[in-house]
C-alpha cells in the first residue's frame, strides 16, 4: 500500500488542482518532451486519468509511457489500471515481463509509475494552479485503527 500512497502523493504534487483544471492539460519544459494529461472520468471517490509524454518524431507522434491511472480520493492512493499498458509493459521499461494482471505485474507497473512521477517532478513538470471560488467536497479519508 505504501507504493500506492506514494503514487497518490506524487500525482497530487504534479497536479495540485486535479478537480479544478481542464480535462486536457499539457506541461512543457525547455529540455524535454511535453507531458500530456487527460482526465477521463471524475467521480465522488475516484478520478481516472491518462498521463503520457509526447515525443516529436519526424515520422510519427510517439507517446511513451502511456498510462491510465485511477486515483482513489477517499483512501488517498493511486494505481495504474490494468488495461493501460501492453503485455510485458511499457516498451521494455521492465526487464522481466510478468503476466498482465498478476501481483508481480501490478507491482512492476506501479513501481514504474512512482519512479516516472519522481522524474517528472524533478525535471520541473507540473500543471498550473489557478485559484477560484470553486470548492470540491470529497468524503474524508477513513483512518482504520487496528
N, C-alpha and C. Protein backbone atom coordinates (compact mmCIF):
# COMPACT_ATOMS: atom_id res chain seq x y z
N UNK A 1 0.82 -1.20 0.00
CA UNK A 1 0.00 0.00 0.00
C UNK A 1 0.86 1.26 0.00
N UNK A 2 2.07 1.17 0.54
CA UNK A 2 2.94 2.35 0.57
C UNK A 2 3.24 2.85 -0.85
N UNK A 3 3.40 1.93 -1.77
CA UNK A 3 3.67 2.30 -3.16
C UNK A 3 2.50 3.10 -3.73
N UNK A 4 1.27 2.63 -3.49
CA UNK A 4 0.08 3.32 -3.99
C UNK A 4 -0.09 4.68 -3.31
N UNK A 5 0.24 4.76 -2.02
CA UNK A 5 0.16 6.03 -1.30
C UNK A 5 1.17 7.03 -1.85
N UNK A 6 2.39 6.57 -2.12
CA UNK A 6 3.40 7.46 -2.70
C UNK A 6 2.99 7.93 -4.09
N UNK A 7 2.39 7.06 -4.89
CA UNK A 7 1.90 7.46 -6.21
C UNK A 7 0.86 8.58 -6.07
N UNK A 8 -0.02 8.46 -5.08
CA UNK A 8 -1.02 9.49 -4.84
C UNK A 8 -0.35 10.82 -4.49
N UNK A 9 0.61 10.77 -3.58
CA UNK A 9 1.30 11.99 -3.14
C UNK A 9 2.00 12.66 -4.32
N UNK A 10 2.73 11.87 -5.12
CA UNK A 10 3.45 12.44 -6.26
C UNK A 10 2.49 13.00 -7.31
N UNK A 11 1.37 12.30 -7.55
CA UNK A 11 0.39 12.82 -8.51
C UNK A 11 -0.21 14.13 -8.03
N UNK A 12 -0.49 14.23 -6.74
CA UNK A 12 -1.08 15.47 -6.22
C UNK A 12 -0.06 16.62 -6.26
N UNK A 13 1.22 16.31 -6.15
CA UNK A 13 2.24 17.35 -6.31
C UNK A 13 2.33 17.79 -7.76
N UNK A 14 2.21 16.86 -8.67
CA UNK A 14 2.28 17.17 -10.09
C UNK A 14 1.03 17.91 -10.55
N UNK A 15 -0.12 17.52 -10.01
CA UNK A 15 -1.42 18.09 -10.40
C UNK A 15 -2.12 18.58 -9.13
N UNK A 16 -1.73 19.74 -8.60
CA UNK A 16 -2.30 20.18 -7.32
C UNK A 16 -3.80 20.46 -7.36
N UNK A 17 -4.31 20.89 -8.50
CA UNK A 17 -5.74 21.18 -8.60
C UNK A 17 -6.39 20.19 -9.56
N UNK A 18 -6.38 18.97 -9.20
CA UNK A 18 -6.93 17.91 -10.04
C UNK A 18 -8.40 18.13 -10.35
N UNK A 19 -9.15 18.68 -9.41
CA UNK A 19 -10.59 18.85 -9.59
C UNK A 19 -10.97 20.13 -10.31
N UNK A 20 -10.06 21.09 -10.39
CA UNK A 20 -10.43 22.39 -10.93
C UNK A 20 -9.81 22.70 -12.28
N UNK A 21 -8.90 21.87 -12.74
CA UNK A 21 -8.26 22.13 -14.01
C UNK A 21 -9.12 21.69 -15.19
N UNK A 22 -8.59 21.90 -16.37
CA UNK A 22 -9.25 21.43 -17.57
C UNK A 22 -9.13 19.92 -17.66
N UNK A 23 -9.93 19.33 -18.52
CA UNK A 23 -9.86 17.88 -18.71
C UNK A 23 -8.63 17.46 -19.51
N UNK A 24 -8.07 18.37 -20.27
CA UNK A 24 -6.86 18.10 -21.04
C UNK A 24 -5.87 19.22 -20.75
N UNK A 25 -4.66 18.83 -20.29
CA UNK A 25 -3.64 19.82 -19.97
C UNK A 25 -2.29 19.33 -20.48
N UNK A 26 -1.40 20.29 -20.72
CA UNK A 26 -0.05 19.99 -21.20
C UNK A 26 0.94 20.74 -20.31
N UNK A 27 1.98 20.04 -19.88
CA UNK A 27 3.07 20.65 -19.14
C UNK A 27 4.32 20.58 -20.02
N UNK A 28 4.95 21.74 -20.23
CA UNK A 28 6.13 21.81 -21.08
C UNK A 28 7.32 22.31 -20.30
N UNK A 29 8.48 21.74 -20.62
CA UNK A 29 9.74 22.25 -20.10
C UNK A 29 10.67 22.45 -21.30
N UNK A 30 11.71 23.25 -21.12
CA UNK A 30 12.57 23.60 -22.25
C UNK A 30 13.45 22.44 -22.71
N UNK A 31 13.75 21.51 -21.85
CA UNK A 31 14.72 20.46 -22.16
C UNK A 31 14.12 19.06 -22.22
N UNK A 32 12.83 18.95 -22.54
CA UNK A 32 12.23 17.62 -22.62
C UNK A 32 10.92 17.62 -23.36
N UNK A 33 10.36 16.43 -23.56
CA UNK A 33 9.08 16.34 -24.28
C UNK A 33 7.93 16.85 -23.41
N UNK A 34 6.84 17.20 -24.06
CA UNK A 34 5.65 17.65 -23.35
C UNK A 34 5.03 16.49 -22.58
N UNK A 35 4.50 16.81 -21.40
CA UNK A 35 3.77 15.84 -20.59
C UNK A 35 2.29 16.15 -20.75
N UNK A 36 1.54 15.18 -21.24
CA UNK A 36 0.11 15.37 -21.51
C UNK A 36 -0.72 14.64 -20.46
N UNK A 37 -1.77 15.33 -20.00
CA UNK A 37 -2.69 14.80 -19.01
C UNK A 37 -4.10 14.92 -19.56
N UNK A 38 -4.85 13.83 -19.45
CA UNK A 38 -6.26 13.86 -19.85
C UNK A 38 -7.08 13.21 -18.75
N UNK A 39 -8.02 13.97 -18.21
CA UNK A 39 -8.94 13.43 -17.21
C UNK A 39 -10.02 12.68 -17.96
N UNK A 40 -10.13 11.38 -17.72
CA UNK A 40 -11.11 10.56 -18.43
C UNK A 40 -12.42 10.43 -17.67
N UNK A 41 -12.34 10.45 -16.33
CA UNK A 41 -13.55 10.26 -15.54
C UNK A 41 -13.35 10.89 -14.17
N UNK A 42 -14.38 11.63 -13.73
CA UNK A 42 -14.38 12.20 -12.38
C UNK A 42 -15.61 11.70 -11.66
N UNK A 43 -15.39 11.10 -10.50
CA UNK A 43 -16.49 10.62 -9.66
C UNK A 43 -16.26 11.15 -8.25
N UNK A 44 -17.19 10.89 -7.36
CA UNK A 44 -17.08 11.39 -5.99
C UNK A 44 -15.84 10.84 -5.29
N UNK A 45 -15.54 9.58 -5.52
CA UNK A 45 -14.44 8.95 -4.79
C UNK A 45 -13.22 8.65 -5.66
N UNK A 46 -13.35 8.73 -6.98
CA UNK A 46 -12.24 8.38 -7.86
C UNK A 46 -12.11 9.37 -9.01
N UNK A 47 -10.91 9.42 -9.55
CA UNK A 47 -10.62 10.14 -10.79
C UNK A 47 -9.74 9.23 -11.64
N UNK A 48 -10.08 9.09 -12.90
CA UNK A 48 -9.26 8.30 -13.82
C UNK A 48 -8.64 9.25 -14.83
N UNK A 49 -7.34 9.10 -15.04
CA UNK A 49 -6.63 9.99 -15.95
C UNK A 49 -5.64 9.21 -16.80
N UNK A 50 -5.27 9.81 -17.92
CA UNK A 50 -4.23 9.27 -18.79
C UNK A 50 -3.06 10.24 -18.73
N UNK A 51 -1.86 9.70 -18.62
CA UNK A 51 -0.66 10.51 -18.50
C UNK A 51 0.38 9.96 -19.46
N UNK A 52 0.97 10.84 -20.29
CA UNK A 52 1.95 10.38 -21.26
C UNK A 52 2.89 11.51 -21.66
N UNK A 53 4.07 11.15 -22.09
CA UNK A 53 4.99 12.07 -22.76
C UNK A 53 4.73 11.95 -24.25
N UNK A 54 4.77 13.07 -24.98
CA UNK A 54 4.65 13.02 -26.43
C UNK A 54 5.96 13.48 -27.03
N UNK A 55 6.57 12.59 -27.80
CA UNK A 55 7.83 12.87 -28.45
C UNK A 55 7.56 13.26 -29.89
N UNK A 56 8.18 14.34 -30.34
CA UNK A 56 8.03 14.80 -31.71
C UNK A 56 8.98 14.01 -32.60
N UNK A 57 8.47 12.94 -33.18
CA UNK A 57 9.24 12.10 -34.08
C UNK A 57 8.94 12.56 -35.50
N UNK A 58 9.96 12.68 -36.36
CA UNK A 58 9.70 13.14 -37.73
C UNK A 58 8.73 12.25 -38.51
N UNK A 59 8.69 10.96 -38.19
CA UNK A 59 7.82 10.04 -38.92
C UNK A 59 6.42 10.00 -38.31
N UNK A 60 6.34 9.85 -37.00
CA UNK A 60 5.04 9.74 -36.34
C UNK A 60 5.15 10.26 -34.92
N UNK A 61 4.03 10.66 -34.36
CA UNK A 61 3.99 11.11 -32.97
C UNK A 61 4.07 9.90 -32.06
N UNK A 62 5.01 9.92 -31.12
CA UNK A 62 5.19 8.79 -30.23
C UNK A 62 4.81 9.20 -28.82
N UNK A 63 4.04 8.35 -28.13
CA UNK A 63 3.63 8.60 -26.76
C UNK A 63 4.10 7.46 -25.88
N UNK A 64 5.05 7.76 -25.03
CA UNK A 64 5.57 6.76 -24.10
C UNK A 64 5.97 7.44 -22.81
N UNK A 65 5.82 6.85 -21.68
CA UNK A 65 4.86 5.77 -21.45
C UNK A 65 3.45 6.31 -21.55
N UNK A 66 2.52 5.47 -21.73
CA UNK A 66 1.13 5.87 -21.88
C UNK A 66 0.33 5.10 -20.83
N UNK A 67 0.11 5.73 -19.68
CA UNK A 67 -0.52 5.03 -18.56
C UNK A 67 -1.87 5.63 -18.20
N UNK A 68 -2.79 4.76 -17.84
CA UNK A 68 -4.07 5.18 -17.26
C UNK A 68 -3.98 4.92 -15.77
N UNK A 69 -4.31 5.93 -15.00
CA UNK A 69 -4.15 5.87 -13.55
C UNK A 69 -5.49 6.18 -12.91
N UNK A 70 -5.84 5.40 -11.91
CA UNK A 70 -7.04 5.69 -11.13
C UNK A 70 -6.61 6.17 -9.76
N UNK A 71 -7.16 7.32 -9.37
CA UNK A 71 -6.89 7.91 -8.06
C UNK A 71 -8.11 7.67 -7.19
N UNK A 72 -7.87 7.11 -6.01
CA UNK A 72 -8.92 6.86 -5.03
C UNK A 72 -8.79 7.94 -3.95
N UNK A 73 -9.66 8.95 -4.01
CA UNK A 73 -9.53 10.10 -3.13
C UNK A 73 -9.80 9.76 -1.68
N UNK A 74 -10.75 8.88 -1.41
CA UNK A 74 -11.08 8.56 -0.02
C UNK A 74 -9.96 7.80 0.67
N UNK A 75 -9.28 6.93 -0.05
CA UNK A 75 -8.19 6.15 0.52
C UNK A 75 -6.83 6.82 0.32
N UNK A 76 -6.80 7.85 -0.52
CA UNK A 76 -5.57 8.58 -0.86
C UNK A 76 -4.49 7.66 -1.42
N UNK A 77 -4.89 6.90 -2.44
CA UNK A 77 -3.97 6.03 -3.17
C UNK A 77 -4.21 6.19 -4.67
N UNK A 78 -3.22 5.80 -5.46
CA UNK A 78 -3.33 5.84 -6.93
C UNK A 78 -2.66 4.60 -7.48
N UNK A 79 -3.30 4.01 -8.50
CA UNK A 79 -2.72 2.82 -9.12
C UNK A 79 -2.92 2.86 -10.62
N UNK A 80 -2.01 2.20 -11.33
CA UNK A 80 -2.10 2.06 -12.77
C UNK A 80 -3.21 1.06 -13.08
N UNK A 81 -4.03 1.39 -14.03
CA UNK A 81 -5.11 0.49 -14.42
C UNK A 81 -4.56 -0.61 -15.31
N UNK A 82 -5.11 -1.79 -15.20
CA UNK A 82 -4.56 -2.97 -15.85
C UNK A 82 -4.52 -2.85 -17.37
N UNK A 83 -5.49 -2.22 -17.99
CA UNK A 83 -5.55 -2.18 -19.45
C UNK A 83 -4.82 -0.97 -20.03
N UNK A 84 -3.90 -0.36 -19.27
CA UNK A 84 -3.22 0.82 -19.78
C UNK A 84 -1.90 0.53 -20.46
N UNK A 85 -1.32 -0.62 -20.24
CA UNK A 85 0.00 -0.90 -20.82
C UNK A 85 -0.05 -2.25 -21.53
N UNK A 86 0.74 -2.41 -22.58
CA UNK A 86 0.75 -3.68 -23.29
C UNK A 86 1.37 -4.79 -22.45
N UNK A 87 1.16 -6.02 -22.86
CA UNK A 87 1.75 -7.16 -22.17
C UNK A 87 3.27 -6.99 -22.15
N UNK A 88 3.87 -7.21 -21.00
CA UNK A 88 5.30 -7.01 -20.88
C UNK A 88 5.63 -5.60 -20.43
N UNK A 89 4.70 -4.68 -20.58
CA UNK A 89 4.70 -3.35 -20.04
C UNK A 89 5.66 -2.36 -20.69
N UNK A 90 5.10 -1.30 -21.14
CA UNK A 90 5.72 -0.02 -21.49
C UNK A 90 7.01 -0.10 -22.30
N UNK A 91 6.98 -0.84 -23.36
CA UNK A 91 8.08 -0.79 -24.30
C UNK A 91 9.45 -1.13 -23.74
N UNK A 92 9.53 -2.13 -22.90
CA UNK A 92 10.82 -2.55 -22.40
C UNK A 92 11.29 -1.82 -21.16
N UNK A 93 10.43 -1.09 -20.49
CA UNK A 93 10.84 -0.38 -19.28
C UNK A 93 11.07 -1.32 -18.12
N UNK A 94 10.53 -2.51 -18.19
CA UNK A 94 10.70 -3.51 -17.14
C UNK A 94 11.48 -4.67 -17.71
N UNK A 95 12.50 -5.14 -17.01
CA UNK A 95 13.38 -6.18 -17.53
C UNK A 95 12.71 -7.54 -17.63
N UNK A 96 11.91 -7.91 -16.65
CA UNK A 96 11.30 -9.24 -16.65
C UNK A 96 9.79 -9.09 -16.74
N UNK A 97 9.22 -9.27 -17.93
CA UNK A 97 7.77 -9.11 -18.07
C UNK A 97 7.02 -10.17 -17.29
N UNK A 98 5.97 -9.74 -16.62
CA UNK A 98 5.11 -10.64 -15.86
C UNK A 98 3.78 -10.76 -16.57
N UNK A 99 3.04 -11.77 -16.22
CA UNK A 99 1.71 -11.94 -16.79
C UNK A 99 0.83 -10.78 -16.33
N UNK A 100 0.19 -10.16 -17.30
CA UNK A 100 -0.63 -8.98 -17.03
C UNK A 100 -1.72 -9.29 -16.02
N UNK A 101 -1.84 -8.40 -15.04
CA UNK A 101 -2.88 -8.54 -14.03
C UNK A 101 -2.43 -9.26 -12.77
N UNK A 102 -1.30 -9.91 -12.80
CA UNK A 102 -0.82 -10.60 -11.60
C UNK A 102 -0.27 -9.59 -10.60
N UNK A 103 -0.05 -10.05 -9.40
CA UNK A 103 0.50 -9.19 -8.36
C UNK A 103 1.88 -8.66 -8.77
N UNK A 104 2.70 -9.52 -9.38
CA UNK A 104 4.04 -9.10 -9.82
C UNK A 104 3.94 -8.01 -10.89
N UNK A 105 3.02 -8.16 -11.83
CA UNK A 105 2.84 -7.15 -12.88
C UNK A 105 2.38 -5.84 -12.26
N UNK A 106 1.41 -5.91 -11.36
CA UNK A 106 0.90 -4.70 -10.72
C UNK A 106 2.01 -3.99 -9.95
N UNK A 107 2.86 -4.74 -9.27
CA UNK A 107 3.95 -4.12 -8.53
C UNK A 107 4.91 -3.45 -9.50
N UNK A 108 5.25 -4.12 -10.59
CA UNK A 108 6.19 -3.56 -11.57
C UNK A 108 5.67 -2.27 -12.18
N UNK A 109 4.44 -2.28 -12.63
CA UNK A 109 3.89 -1.12 -13.33
C UNK A 109 3.68 0.05 -12.36
N UNK A 110 3.28 -0.22 -11.13
CA UNK A 110 3.10 0.87 -10.17
C UNK A 110 4.43 1.38 -9.64
N UNK A 111 5.42 0.53 -9.56
CA UNK A 111 6.77 0.98 -9.20
C UNK A 111 7.32 1.87 -10.31
N UNK A 112 7.05 1.50 -11.56
CA UNK A 112 7.46 2.35 -12.68
C UNK A 112 6.77 3.70 -12.60
N UNK A 113 5.47 3.72 -12.30
CA UNK A 113 4.74 4.99 -12.17
C UNK A 113 5.39 5.86 -11.10
N UNK A 114 5.74 5.28 -9.97
CA UNK A 114 6.35 6.04 -8.90
C UNK A 114 7.67 6.68 -9.36
N UNK A 115 8.49 5.89 -10.02
CA UNK A 115 9.78 6.41 -10.49
C UNK A 115 9.60 7.47 -11.57
N UNK A 116 8.63 7.27 -12.45
CA UNK A 116 8.36 8.23 -13.52
C UNK A 116 7.85 9.55 -12.95
N UNK A 117 6.94 9.48 -11.96
CA UNK A 117 6.42 10.70 -11.35
C UNK A 117 7.52 11.47 -10.63
N UNK A 118 8.41 10.76 -9.95
CA UNK A 118 9.54 11.42 -9.29
C UNK A 118 10.43 12.10 -10.33
N UNK A 119 10.66 11.44 -11.44
CA UNK A 119 11.45 12.02 -12.53
C UNK A 119 10.77 13.29 -13.05
N UNK A 120 9.47 13.22 -13.32
CA UNK A 120 8.75 14.38 -13.85
C UNK A 120 8.82 15.56 -12.89
N UNK A 121 8.61 15.30 -11.61
CA UNK A 121 8.69 16.37 -10.62
C UNK A 121 10.10 16.95 -10.55
N UNK A 122 11.10 16.10 -10.60
CA UNK A 122 12.48 16.55 -10.56
C UNK A 122 12.90 17.37 -11.77
N UNK A 123 12.31 17.08 -12.92
CA UNK A 123 12.62 17.82 -14.14
C UNK A 123 11.87 19.15 -14.22
N UNK A 124 10.89 19.35 -13.35
CA UNK A 124 10.16 20.62 -13.35
C UNK A 124 8.80 20.60 -14.00
N UNK A 125 8.30 19.42 -14.34
CA UNK A 125 6.95 19.34 -14.89
C UNK A 125 5.94 19.67 -13.79
N UNK A 126 4.81 20.20 -14.20
CA UNK A 126 3.74 20.49 -13.26
C UNK A 126 2.59 21.14 -14.01
N UNK A 127 1.43 21.04 -13.45
CA UNK A 127 0.25 21.63 -14.08
C UNK A 127 -0.18 22.83 -13.25
N UNK A 128 -0.65 23.87 -13.91
CA UNK A 128 -0.86 25.16 -13.24
C UNK A 128 -1.89 25.11 -12.12
N UNK A 129 -1.65 25.97 -11.15
CA UNK A 129 -2.57 26.14 -10.04
C UNK A 129 -3.31 27.43 -10.27
N UNK A 130 -4.62 27.36 -10.36
CA UNK A 130 -5.44 28.54 -10.53
C UNK A 130 -6.38 28.62 -9.34
N UNK A 131 -6.45 29.79 -8.74
CA UNK A 131 -7.30 29.96 -7.58
C UNK A 131 -8.64 30.52 -8.01
N UNK A 132 -9.69 29.92 -7.52
CA UNK A 132 -11.03 30.40 -7.78
C UNK A 132 -11.92 30.03 -6.60
N UNK A 133 -13.21 30.30 -6.74
CA UNK A 133 -14.13 30.09 -5.63
C UNK A 133 -14.72 28.69 -5.58
N UNK A 134 -14.40 27.86 -6.55
CA UNK A 134 -14.97 26.51 -6.57
C UNK A 134 -14.35 25.67 -5.46
N UNK A 135 -15.18 24.94 -4.78
CA UNK A 135 -14.70 24.05 -3.72
C UNK A 135 -15.23 22.66 -4.02
N UNK A 136 -14.37 21.67 -3.98
CA UNK A 136 -14.79 20.30 -4.18
C UNK A 136 -14.82 19.62 -2.82
N UNK A 137 -15.99 19.19 -2.43
CA UNK A 137 -16.14 18.50 -1.16
C UNK A 137 -16.04 17.00 -1.41
N UNK A 138 -15.01 16.40 -0.89
CA UNK A 138 -14.82 14.97 -1.01
C UNK A 138 -15.05 14.35 0.35
N UNK A 139 -15.49 13.12 0.39
CA UNK A 139 -15.63 12.44 1.67
C UNK A 139 -14.27 12.36 2.36
N UNK A 140 -14.24 12.49 3.68
CA UNK A 140 -12.96 12.41 4.38
C UNK A 140 -12.37 11.02 4.27
N UNK A 141 -11.05 10.96 4.31
CA UNK A 141 -10.36 9.66 4.28
C UNK A 141 -10.66 8.92 5.57
N UNK A 142 -10.78 7.62 5.44
CA UNK A 142 -11.02 6.80 6.63
C UNK A 142 -9.69 6.43 7.26
N UNK A 143 -9.62 6.54 8.54
CA UNK A 143 -8.44 6.11 9.28
C UNK A 143 -8.82 4.85 10.05
N UNK A 144 -8.19 3.77 9.70
CA UNK A 144 -8.51 2.50 10.31
C UNK A 144 -7.63 2.28 11.53
N UNK A 145 -8.22 1.91 12.62
CA UNK A 145 -7.47 1.57 13.84
C UNK A 145 -7.39 0.07 13.94
N UNK A 146 -6.20 -0.43 14.11
CA UNK A 146 -6.01 -1.87 14.18
C UNK A 146 -5.54 -2.24 15.56
